[in-house]
Protein backbone atom coordinates (compact mmCIF):
# COMPACT_ATOMS: atom_id res chain seq x y z
CA UNK A 1 0.00 0.00 0.00
CA UNK A 2 2.81 2.41 0.86
CA UNK A 3 4.61 1.96 -2.45
CA UNK A 4 1.39 2.09 -4.45
CA UNK A 5 0.41 5.38 -2.76
CA UNK A 6 3.86 6.83 -3.45
CA UNK A 7 3.80 5.84 -7.13
CA UNK A 8 0.26 7.17 -7.56
CA UNK A 9 1.23 10.48 -6.00
CA UNK A 10 4.34 10.75 -8.15
CA UNK A 11 2.35 9.91 -11.26
CA UNK A 12 -0.28 12.55 -10.58
CA UNK A 13 2.41 15.10 -9.69
CA UNK A 14 4.18 14.36 -12.98
CA UNK A 15 1.06 14.55 -15.12
CA UNK A 16 -0.33 17.71 -13.55
CA UNK A 17 3.04 19.50 -13.52
CA UNK A 18 3.67 18.65 -17.18
CA UNK A 19 0.10 19.54 -18.15
CA UNK A 20 0.25 22.94 -16.50
CA UNK A 21 3.24 23.95 -18.62
CA UNK A 22 0.72 24.52 -21.42
CA UNK A 23 -2.44 26.13 -19.92
CA UNK A 24 -0.45 28.87 -18.19
CA UNK A 25 0.91 29.93 -21.58
CA UNK A 26 -2.45 29.43 -23.31
CA UNK A 27 -4.25 31.72 -20.86
CA UNK A 28 -1.69 34.47 -21.25
CA UNK A 29 -1.41 34.16 -25.04
CA UNK A 30 -5.20 34.36 -25.38
CA UNK A 31 -5.11 37.82 -23.80
CA UNK A 32 -2.13 38.95 -25.86
CA UNK A 33 -3.66 37.73 -29.12
CA UNK A 34 -6.87 39.59 -28.26
CA UNK A 35 -4.84 42.75 -27.67
CA UNK A 36 -2.93 42.38 -30.94
CA UNK A 37 -6.16 41.70 -32.85
CA UNK A 38 -7.74 44.77 -31.26
CA UNK A 39 -4.83 46.99 -32.33
CA UNK A 40 -4.99 45.57 -35.84
CA UNK A 41 -8.75 46.13 -36.09
CA UNK A 42 -8.68 49.66 -34.66
CA UNK A 43 -5.93 50.95 -36.93
CA UNK A 44 -6.22 48.52 -39.87
CA UNK A 45 -2.57 47.78 -39.09
CA UNK A 46 -0.89 44.96 -41.04
CA UNK A 47 2.02 44.89 -38.59
CA UNK A 48 -0.25 43.90 -35.71
CA UNK A 49 -2.10 41.43 -37.94
CA UNK A 50 1.16 39.61 -38.54
CA UNK A 51 2.03 39.76 -34.85
CA UNK A 52 -1.39 38.28 -34.01
CA UNK A 53 -0.95 35.52 -36.61
CA UNK A 54 2.43 34.57 -35.18
CA UNK A 55 1.19 34.25 -31.61
CA UNK A 56 -2.04 32.56 -32.73
CA UNK A 57 0.07 29.74 -34.20
CA UNK A 58 1.91 29.42 -30.89
CA UNK A 59 -1.40 29.52 -29.03
CA UNK A 60 -2.83 26.74 -31.21
CA UNK A 61 -0.06 24.19 -30.69
CA UNK A 62 0.08 24.99 -26.98
CA UNK A 63 -3.68 24.50 -26.72
CA UNK A 64 -3.46 21.10 -28.45
CA UNK A 65 -0.75 19.86 -26.09
CA UNK A 66 -2.68 21.20 -23.10
CA UNK A 67 -5.81 19.30 -24.13
CA UNK A 68 -3.93 16.04 -24.72
CA UNK A 69 -2.12 16.14 -21.38
CA UNK A 70 -5.25 17.27 -19.51
CA UNK A 71 -7.24 14.26 -20.66
CA UNK A 72 -4.68 11.76 -19.37
CA UNK A 73 -4.49 13.64 -16.09
CA UNK A 74 -8.22 13.41 -15.45
CA UNK A 75 -8.31 9.68 -16.21
CA UNK A 76 -6.36 9.14 -13.01
CA UNK A 77 -9.36 10.12 -10.90
CA UNK A 78 -10.76 6.74 -11.87
CA UNK A 79 -7.61 4.65 -12.19
CA UNK A 80 -5.49 5.82 -9.25
CA UNK A 81 -7.81 7.89 -7.06
CA UNK A 82 -11.10 6.02 -6.98
CA UNK A 83 -11.50 6.64 -3.25
CA UNK A 84 -11.31 10.38 -3.82
CA UNK A 85 -13.72 10.21 -6.76
CA UNK A 86 -16.21 8.18 -4.76
CA UNK A 87 -15.98 10.58 -1.82
CA UNK A 88 -15.92 13.94 -3.63
CA UNK A 89 -17.39 13.18 -7.07
CA UNK A 90 -20.68 14.81 -6.09
CA UNK A 91 -18.82 18.12 -5.70
CA UNK A 92 -15.88 18.14 -8.09
CA UNK A 93 -17.98 16.50 -10.81
CA UNK A 94 -20.08 19.68 -10.91
CA UNK A 95 -17.20 22.07 -11.51
CA UNK A 96 -15.27 19.78 -13.88
CA UNK A 97 -18.43 19.27 -15.96
CA UNK A 98 -19.03 23.03 -16.06
CA UNK A 99 -15.45 23.53 -17.22
CA UNK A 100 -15.99 21.09 -20.07
CA UNK A 101 -19.42 22.33 -21.13
CA UNK A 102 -19.11 26.10 -20.70
CA UNK A 103 -15.39 26.77 -21.10
CA UNK A 104 -13.64 24.04 -23.06
CA UNK A 105 -16.28 23.88 -25.81
CA UNK A 106 -16.20 27.68 -26.07
CA UNK A 107 -12.46 27.92 -26.61
CA UNK A 108 -12.36 24.79 -28.77
CA UNK A 109 -15.08 26.07 -31.10
CA UNK A 110 -13.57 29.48 -31.66
CA UNK A 111 -9.88 28.59 -31.79
CA UNK A 112 -10.49 26.97 -35.18
CA UNK A 113 -12.01 30.19 -36.49
CA UNK A 114 -9.14 32.16 -34.99
CA UNK A 115 -6.54 29.91 -36.61
CA UNK A 116 -8.10 29.28 -40.04
CA UNK A 117 -10.86 31.85 -40.49
CA UNK A 118 -9.08 35.15 -41.09
CA UNK A 119 -9.74 35.03 -44.86
CA UNK A 120 -13.18 33.45 -44.52
CA UNK A 121 -14.76 35.85 -42.02
CA UNK A 122 -14.90 39.59 -41.57
CA UNK A 123 -12.27 41.28 -39.36
CA UNK A 124 -14.95 41.88 -36.73
CA UNK A 125 -15.95 38.21 -36.59
CA UNK A 126 -12.31 37.17 -36.45
CA UNK A 127 -11.72 39.60 -33.57
CA UNK A 128 -14.79 38.16 -31.84
CA UNK A 129 -13.28 34.67 -32.10
CA UNK A 130 -10.17 35.95 -30.27
CA UNK A 131 -12.42 37.38 -27.55
CA UNK A 132 -14.25 34.06 -27.16
CA UNK A 133 -10.99 32.10 -26.96
CA UNK A 134 -9.79 34.48 -24.24
CA UNK A 135 -13.04 34.17 -22.28
CA UNK A 136 -13.02 30.39 -22.70
CA UNK A 137 -9.47 29.95 -21.42
CA UNK A 138 -10.00 32.18 -18.38
CA UNK A 139 -13.41 30.67 -17.63
CA UNK A 140 -11.80 27.23 -17.81
CA UNK A 141 -9.20 28.36 -15.27
CA UNK A 142 -11.98 29.64 -13.02
CA UNK A 143 -13.82 26.31 -12.90
CA UNK A 144 -10.63 24.28 -12.43
CA UNK A 145 -9.50 26.58 -9.63
CA UNK A 146 -12.97 26.34 -8.09
CA UNK A 147 -12.34 22.60 -7.84
CA UNK A 148 -8.94 23.10 -6.26
CA UNK A 149 -10.23 25.82 -3.94
CA UNK A 150 -12.84 23.39 -2.61
CA UNK A 151 -10.12 20.84 -1.91
CA UNK A 152 -8.16 23.52 -0.06
CA UNK A 153 -11.17 25.01 1.74
CA UNK A 154 -14.32 22.84 1.55
CA UNK A 155 -17.58 24.79 1.49
CA UNK A 156 -21.22 24.27 0.46
CA UNK A 157 -21.33 20.48 0.86
CA UNK A 158 -23.60 17.94 2.49
CA UNK A 159 -22.38 14.59 3.80
CA UNK A 160 -24.47 11.56 2.76
CA UNK A 161 -25.14 8.56 4.97
CA UNK A 162 -22.39 6.48 3.33
CA UNK A 163 -19.84 9.26 3.84
CA UNK A 164 -19.64 10.85 0.41
CA UNK A 165 -20.28 14.56 -0.12
CA UNK A 166 -22.53 16.45 -2.51
CA UNK A 167 -23.06 20.12 -3.34
CA UNK A 168 -25.57 21.89 -1.11
CA UNK A 169 -25.24 25.38 -2.62
CA UNK A 170 -23.78 25.78 -6.12
CA UNK A 171 -23.54 29.55 -5.77
CA UNK A 172 -21.51 29.24 -2.57
CA UNK A 173 -19.26 26.66 -4.22
CA UNK A 174 -18.54 29.01 -7.13
CA UNK A 175 -17.85 31.93 -4.78
CA UNK A 176 -15.67 30.05 -2.32
CA UNK A 177 -13.75 32.73 -0.34
CA UNK A 178 -10.54 30.77 -0.94
CA UNK A 179 -11.02 31.20 -4.68
CA UNK A 180 -10.78 35.00 -5.01
CA UNK A 181 -7.09 35.49 -4.28
CA UNK A 182 -6.16 32.10 -5.69
CA UNK A 183 -7.65 32.99 -9.08
CA UNK A 184 -6.02 36.42 -9.20
CA UNK A 185 -2.65 35.03 -8.10
CA UNK A 186 -2.78 32.19 -10.64
CA UNK A 187 -3.86 34.38 -13.56
CA UNK A 188 -1.26 37.05 -12.88
CA UNK A 189 1.35 34.26 -12.77
CA UNK A 190 0.20 33.08 -16.20
CA UNK A 191 0.59 36.63 -17.51
CA UNK A 192 4.12 36.78 -16.10
CA UNK A 193 4.97 33.49 -17.81
CA UNK A 194 3.57 34.63 -21.15
CA UNK A 195 5.15 38.07 -20.93
CA UNK A 196 8.60 36.59 -20.36
CA UNK A 197 8.09 34.16 -23.25
CA UNK A 198 7.12 37.02 -25.55
CA UNK A 199 9.96 39.24 -24.31
CA UNK A 200 12.43 36.37 -24.49
CA UNK A 201 11.60 35.60 -28.12
CA UNK A 202 11.68 39.31 -28.95
CA UNK A 203 15.09 39.61 -27.29
CA UNK A 204 16.29 36.58 -29.28
CA UNK A 205 15.29 38.29 -32.53
CA UNK A 206 17.00 41.53 -31.52
CA UNK A 207 20.20 39.74 -30.54
CA UNK A 208 20.21 37.79 -33.80
CA UNK A 209 19.26 40.93 -35.77
CA UNK A 210 16.20 39.36 -37.37
CA UNK A 211 12.56 40.55 -37.48
CA UNK A 212 13.59 43.76 -35.74
CA UNK A 213 10.27 45.63 -35.91
CA UNK A 214 8.34 42.65 -34.64
CA UNK A 215 10.92 42.01 -31.93
CA UNK A 216 10.55 45.54 -30.57
CA UNK A 217 6.77 45.11 -30.46
CA UNK A 218 7.20 41.81 -28.59
CA UNK A 219 9.55 43.31 -26.03
CA UNK A 220 7.56 46.50 -25.47
CA UNK A 221 4.19 44.75 -25.13
CA UNK A 222 5.54 41.94 -22.98
CA UNK A 223 7.39 44.36 -20.74
CA UNK A 224 4.33 46.46 -19.95
CA UNK A 225 2.31 43.42 -18.88
CA UNK A 226 5.28 41.79 -17.14
CA UNK A 227 6.04 44.73 -14.86
CA UNK A 228 2.37 45.23 -13.93
CA UNK A 229 1.76 41.52 -13.35
CA UNK A 230 5.01 41.08 -11.38
CA UNK A 231 4.13 43.90 -9.00
CA UNK A 232 0.53 42.67 -8.72
CA UNK A 233 1.83 39.18 -7.93
CA UNK A 234 3.64 40.54 -4.87
CA UNK A 235 0.93 42.99 -3.83
CA UNK A 236 -2.00 42.76 -3.56
CA UNK A 237 -2.43 39.13 -4.71
CA UNK A 238 0.55 37.69 -2.79
CA UNK A 239 -0.47 39.60 0.32
CA UNK A 240 -4.06 38.42 0.00
CA UNK A 241 -2.96 34.82 -0.51
CA UNK A 242 -0.76 34.96 2.59
CA UNK A 243 -3.44 36.38 4.89
CA UNK A 244 -5.97 33.83 3.66
CA UNK A 245 -3.50 30.97 4.09
CA UNK A 246 -2.43 31.85 7.64
CA UNK A 247 -6.07 32.17 8.63
CA UNK A 248 -7.28 28.86 7.12
CA UNK A 249 -4.15 26.64 6.84
CA UNK A 250 -1.66 27.89 9.44
CA UNK A 251 0.30 24.62 9.43
CA UNK A 252 1.10 25.17 5.75
CA UNK A 253 2.23 28.71 6.51
CA UNK A 254 4.52 27.46 9.29
CA UNK A 255 6.08 24.92 6.90
CA UNK A 256 6.57 27.57 4.21
CA UNK A 257 8.60 29.72 6.60
CA UNK A 258 10.29 26.90 8.50
CA UNK A 259 8.66 28.21 11.67
CA UNK A 260 8.94 25.34 14.15
CA UNK A 261 7.98 27.27 17.29
CA UNK A 262 5.02 29.57 17.78
CA UNK A 263 6.24 33.16 17.99
CA UNK A 264 4.88 36.56 18.85
CA UNK A 265 6.34 39.03 16.40
CA UNK A 266 7.57 36.27 14.07
CA UNK A 267 10.17 37.11 11.46
CA UNK A 268 10.42 36.17 7.79
CA UNK A 269 13.25 33.77 6.98
CA UNK A 270 15.06 34.98 3.87
CA UNK A 271 17.47 32.08 4.08
CA UNK A 272 17.98 28.92 6.11
CA UNK A 273 17.71 25.15 6.05
CA UNK A 274 14.96 23.26 7.88
CA UNK A 275 16.48 20.69 10.24
CA UNK A 276 13.86 18.05 10.93
CA UNK A 277 15.95 16.30 13.60
CA UNK A 278 16.40 19.36 15.82
CA UNK A 279 13.20 21.05 14.57
CA UNK A 280 15.05 24.28 13.94
CA UNK A 281 15.96 26.45 10.98
CA UNK A 282 19.71 26.26 10.51
CA UNK A 283 21.76 29.33 9.45
CA UNK A 284 18.72 31.62 9.32
CA UNK A 285 18.69 35.15 7.96
CA UNK A 286 15.51 36.63 9.39
CA UNK A 287 13.74 39.99 9.07
CA UNK A 288 12.21 40.51 12.56
CA UNK A 289 8.43 40.83 12.93
CA UNK A 290 7.78 40.75 9.17
CA UNK A 291 5.94 37.42 9.11
CA UNK A 292 3.48 38.69 11.70
CA UNK A 293 3.00 41.82 9.62
CA UNK A 294 2.51 39.83 6.41
CA UNK A 295 0.15 37.28 7.90
CA UNK A 296 -1.95 39.46 10.19
CA UNK A 297 -0.95 43.07 9.39
CA UNK A 298 0.26 43.51 12.97
CA UNK A 299 3.95 43.61 13.89
CA UNK A 300 3.54 41.70 17.17
CA UNK A 301 0.84 39.24 16.14
CA UNK A 302 1.33 35.64 17.25
CA UNK A 303 2.03 33.22 14.40
CA UNK A 304 1.47 29.53 15.05
CA UNK A 305 4.51 27.35 14.48
CA UNK A 306 4.62 23.67 13.63
CA UNK A 307 4.70 22.88 17.34
CA UNK A 308 1.04 23.94 17.53
CA UNK A 309 -0.02 20.95 15.42
CA UNK A 310 0.38 17.17 15.73
CA UNK A 311 3.38 15.96 13.76
CA UNK A 312 1.08 13.61 11.85
CA UNK A 313 -0.51 16.70 10.30
CA UNK A 314 2.76 18.29 9.19
CA UNK A 315 3.41 18.38 5.44
CA UNK A 316 6.83 17.57 4.03
CA UNK A 317 8.45 20.67 5.54
CA UNK A 318 11.70 20.81 3.49
CA UNK A 319 9.89 20.45 0.15
CA UNK A 320 7.29 23.08 1.04
CA UNK A 321 9.91 25.44 2.47
CA UNK A 322 12.26 25.29 -0.52
CA UNK A 323 9.48 25.37 -3.14
CA UNK A 324 7.99 28.46 -1.51
CA UNK A 325 11.31 30.27 -1.20
CA UNK A 326 12.23 29.53 -4.82
CA UNK A 327 8.88 30.95 -5.93
CA UNK A 328 9.28 34.10 -3.81
CA UNK A 329 12.89 34.67 -4.88
CA UNK A 330 11.98 34.38 -8.54
CA UNK A 331 8.99 36.68 -8.04
CA UNK A 332 11.24 39.45 -6.76
CA UNK A 333 13.74 38.77 -9.55
CA UNK A 334 10.95 39.21 -12.12
CA UNK A 335 9.93 42.52 -10.58
CA UNK A 336 13.54 43.72 -10.47
CA UNK A 337 14.37 42.68 -14.04
CA UNK A 338 11.24 44.26 -15.49
CA UNK A 339 11.69 47.52 -13.56
CA UNK A 340 15.28 47.74 -14.77
CA UNK A 341 14.14 47.10 -18.34
CA UNK A 342 11.48 49.80 -18.02
CA UNK A 343 14.15 52.24 -16.82
CA UNK A 344 16.32 51.46 -19.86
CA UNK A 345 13.28 51.80 -22.13
CA UNK A 346 12.51 55.19 -20.59
CA UNK A 347 16.11 56.25 -21.21
CA UNK A 348 15.84 55.06 -24.82
CA UNK A 349 18.58 52.45 -24.35
CA UNK A 350 16.68 49.18 -24.00
CA UNK A 351 17.05 47.88 -27.54
CA UNK A 352 20.75 48.81 -27.66
CA UNK A 353 21.58 47.19 -24.29
CA UNK A 354 22.57 43.71 -25.40
CA UNK A 355 23.30 42.66 -21.82
CA UNK A 356 19.70 43.46 -20.89
CA UNK A 357 18.39 41.59 -23.92
CA UNK A 358 20.45 38.57 -22.89
CA UNK A 359 18.89 38.74 -19.42
CA UNK A 360 15.37 38.89 -20.89
CA UNK A 361 16.08 35.94 -23.17
CA UNK A 362 17.66 33.80 -20.45
CA UNK A 363 14.79 34.58 -18.06
CA UNK A 364 12.28 32.96 -20.43
CA UNK A 365 12.07 29.56 -18.61
CA UNK A 366 12.19 30.95 -15.07
CA UNK A 367 8.45 31.72 -14.68
CA UNK A 368 7.77 28.03 -15.33
CA UNK A 369 10.04 27.19 -12.40
CA UNK A 370 8.23 29.76 -10.25
CA UNK A 371 4.76 28.42 -11.05
CA UNK A 372 5.93 24.88 -10.39
CA UNK A 373 7.26 26.06 -7.02
CA UNK A 374 3.98 27.80 -6.25
CA UNK A 375 1.82 24.80 -7.05
CA UNK A 376 4.19 22.49 -5.16
CA UNK A 377 3.78 24.75 -2.13
CA UNK A 378 0.01 24.78 -2.45
CA UNK A 379 -0.46 21.05 -2.96
CA UNK A 380 2.32 19.60 -0.81
CA UNK A 381 1.48 22.09 1.91
CA UNK A 382 -2.05 20.69 2.09
CA UNK A 383 -0.79 17.21 2.95
CA UNK A 384 -1.67 14.87 4.56
CA UNK A 385 -5.11 16.03 3.43
CA UNK A 386 -6.49 15.41 -0.04
CA UNK A 387 -9.59 17.43 0.85
CA UNK A 388 -8.51 19.65 3.71
CA UNK A 389 -9.98 18.47 6.99
CA UNK A 390 -12.25 15.90 5.33
CA UNK A 391 -10.29 13.25 3.43
CA UNK A 392 -6.69 12.21 3.87
CA UNK A 393 -4.57 11.34 0.85
CA UNK A 394 -4.06 7.75 1.98
CA UNK A 395 -7.85 7.27 1.96
CA UNK A 396 -8.32 8.65 -1.55
CA UNK A 397 -6.18 6.15 -3.46
CA UNK A 398 -7.63 3.23 -5.43
CA UNK A 399 -7.61 0.08 -3.27
CA UNK A 400 -7.71 -2.27 -6.28
CA UNK A 401 -4.47 -0.90 -7.71
CA UNK A 402 -1.19 -2.61 -6.88
CA UNK A 403 2.27 -1.05 -6.73
CA UNK A 404 3.52 -2.87 -9.84
CA UNK A 405 0.79 -1.40 -12.03
CA UNK A 406 1.28 2.06 -10.55
CA UNK A 407 5.04 1.95 -11.17
CA UNK A 408 4.55 0.66 -14.72
CA UNK A 409 2.21 3.50 -15.66
CA UNK A 410 4.46 6.05 -13.92
CA UNK A 411 7.42 4.94 -16.06
CA UNK A 412 5.20 4.96 -19.13
CA UNK A 413 4.13 8.54 -18.47
CA UNK A 414 7.76 9.61 -17.99
CA UNK A 415 8.68 8.18 -21.40
CA UNK A 416 5.57 9.51 -23.12
CA UNK A 417 5.87 13.01 -21.71
CA UNK A 418 9.58 13.18 -22.52
CA UNK A 419 8.72 12.56 -26.16
CA UNK A 420 5.78 14.98 -26.04
CA UNK A 421 7.97 17.68 -24.53
CA UNK A 422 10.58 17.26 -27.25
CA UNK A 423 7.87 17.37 -29.94
CA UNK A 424 6.42 20.58 -28.51
CA UNK A 425 9.84 22.24 -28.38
CA UNK A 426 10.46 21.18 -31.98
CA UNK A 427 7.14 22.62 -33.21
CA UNK A 428 7.46 25.81 -31.17
CA UNK A 429 11.05 26.20 -32.29
CA UNK A 430 10.02 25.97 -35.94
CA UNK A 431 7.46 28.75 -35.42
CA UNK A 432 10.07 30.95 -33.76
CA UNK A 433 12.71 30.32 -36.45
CA UNK A 434 10.25 31.05 -39.24
CA UNK A 435 9.29 34.31 -37.57
CA UNK A 436 6.23 36.52 -37.94
CA UNK A 437 6.83 37.73 -41.49
CA UNK A 438 5.82 34.55 -43.26
CA UNK A 439 2.08 34.96 -42.76
């Protein structure tokens, strides 16, 4: 049972982490394509039409890979997590069905028009298809995050006689208080990812002295969104996420900061290593009182440490701690890099500063690392609960599955996703090397 649970958890972690590489870019690109289409329509501008065509091609292949990897991920609710499906299907089935019916069909229907219909429909209809794809992708994120928010903070449910749960108030489920900051934080992260991809490719063109006009548009547009989204990610969305988390899941907050003992006026650990044997943070660099201020907006507020909870309810502290600190460090790096780039842009030196262009290009993959760190913090920090306070992870796994089968499928997914990842990079690389000027 222990090995089977481990393999099932690793398999789901692999499939969901790989899958999310694509939707975070799809959501951001949908907004950018809508913006480029709007500029093209307003000014009858061929330059922005070509920019929109370029990023529409990237959006299309990313969407296809996101759909393919999402389907295999959801199959695991039946194959590996039958206990969870039996317990929570009456709740999560509602939101997942709404995502498929109202969001997925919307974006799927209009992405074909967006990709192939520019010469078959009027400019207004083609712009409308971009709007529908944008609404579909963001609505899809809303329903998926509603599902996750319920697992983090269960609301609006009724427990049946056999122990399963069903929705008691659909409106309350869709307006879960956990969802507000989670949605804003997630969507701003997707905009950061997309902005750095767009800036990175623009910087690559500038450094290689190809597609110069398009490259400058990429860098300028990406930079505006990147600096706004990076600041928003820190405040107010990061602040709102922190206050919500310390109120509802204080044990996760303690693990994120490596706070083993409850403290009044707790400090934020900028650096340190959690020592699980001594239950201390080794070599800490701490800003006094700042954790209390962040969590409760009071300098001397008491913050619960891990000692306030049974050890059986602790998550994997080192993983949560390091994942969280990687995410935060990268978040501040993004804000710093974009502000520096804005300063150079204001001085009229951005496009001539090759060192800055190299930084923008090399930063392209870092938002993916940050989002992976953020989701690792959120999901590992919830452990040992699968549905917080209601169902433990060990009780959600399929009892008919053995460890050999789980390991076999895990290895199969590793091989399959390695090939899929290489194929995506090949296709995306071909789009980038062809450039925007080829229609």
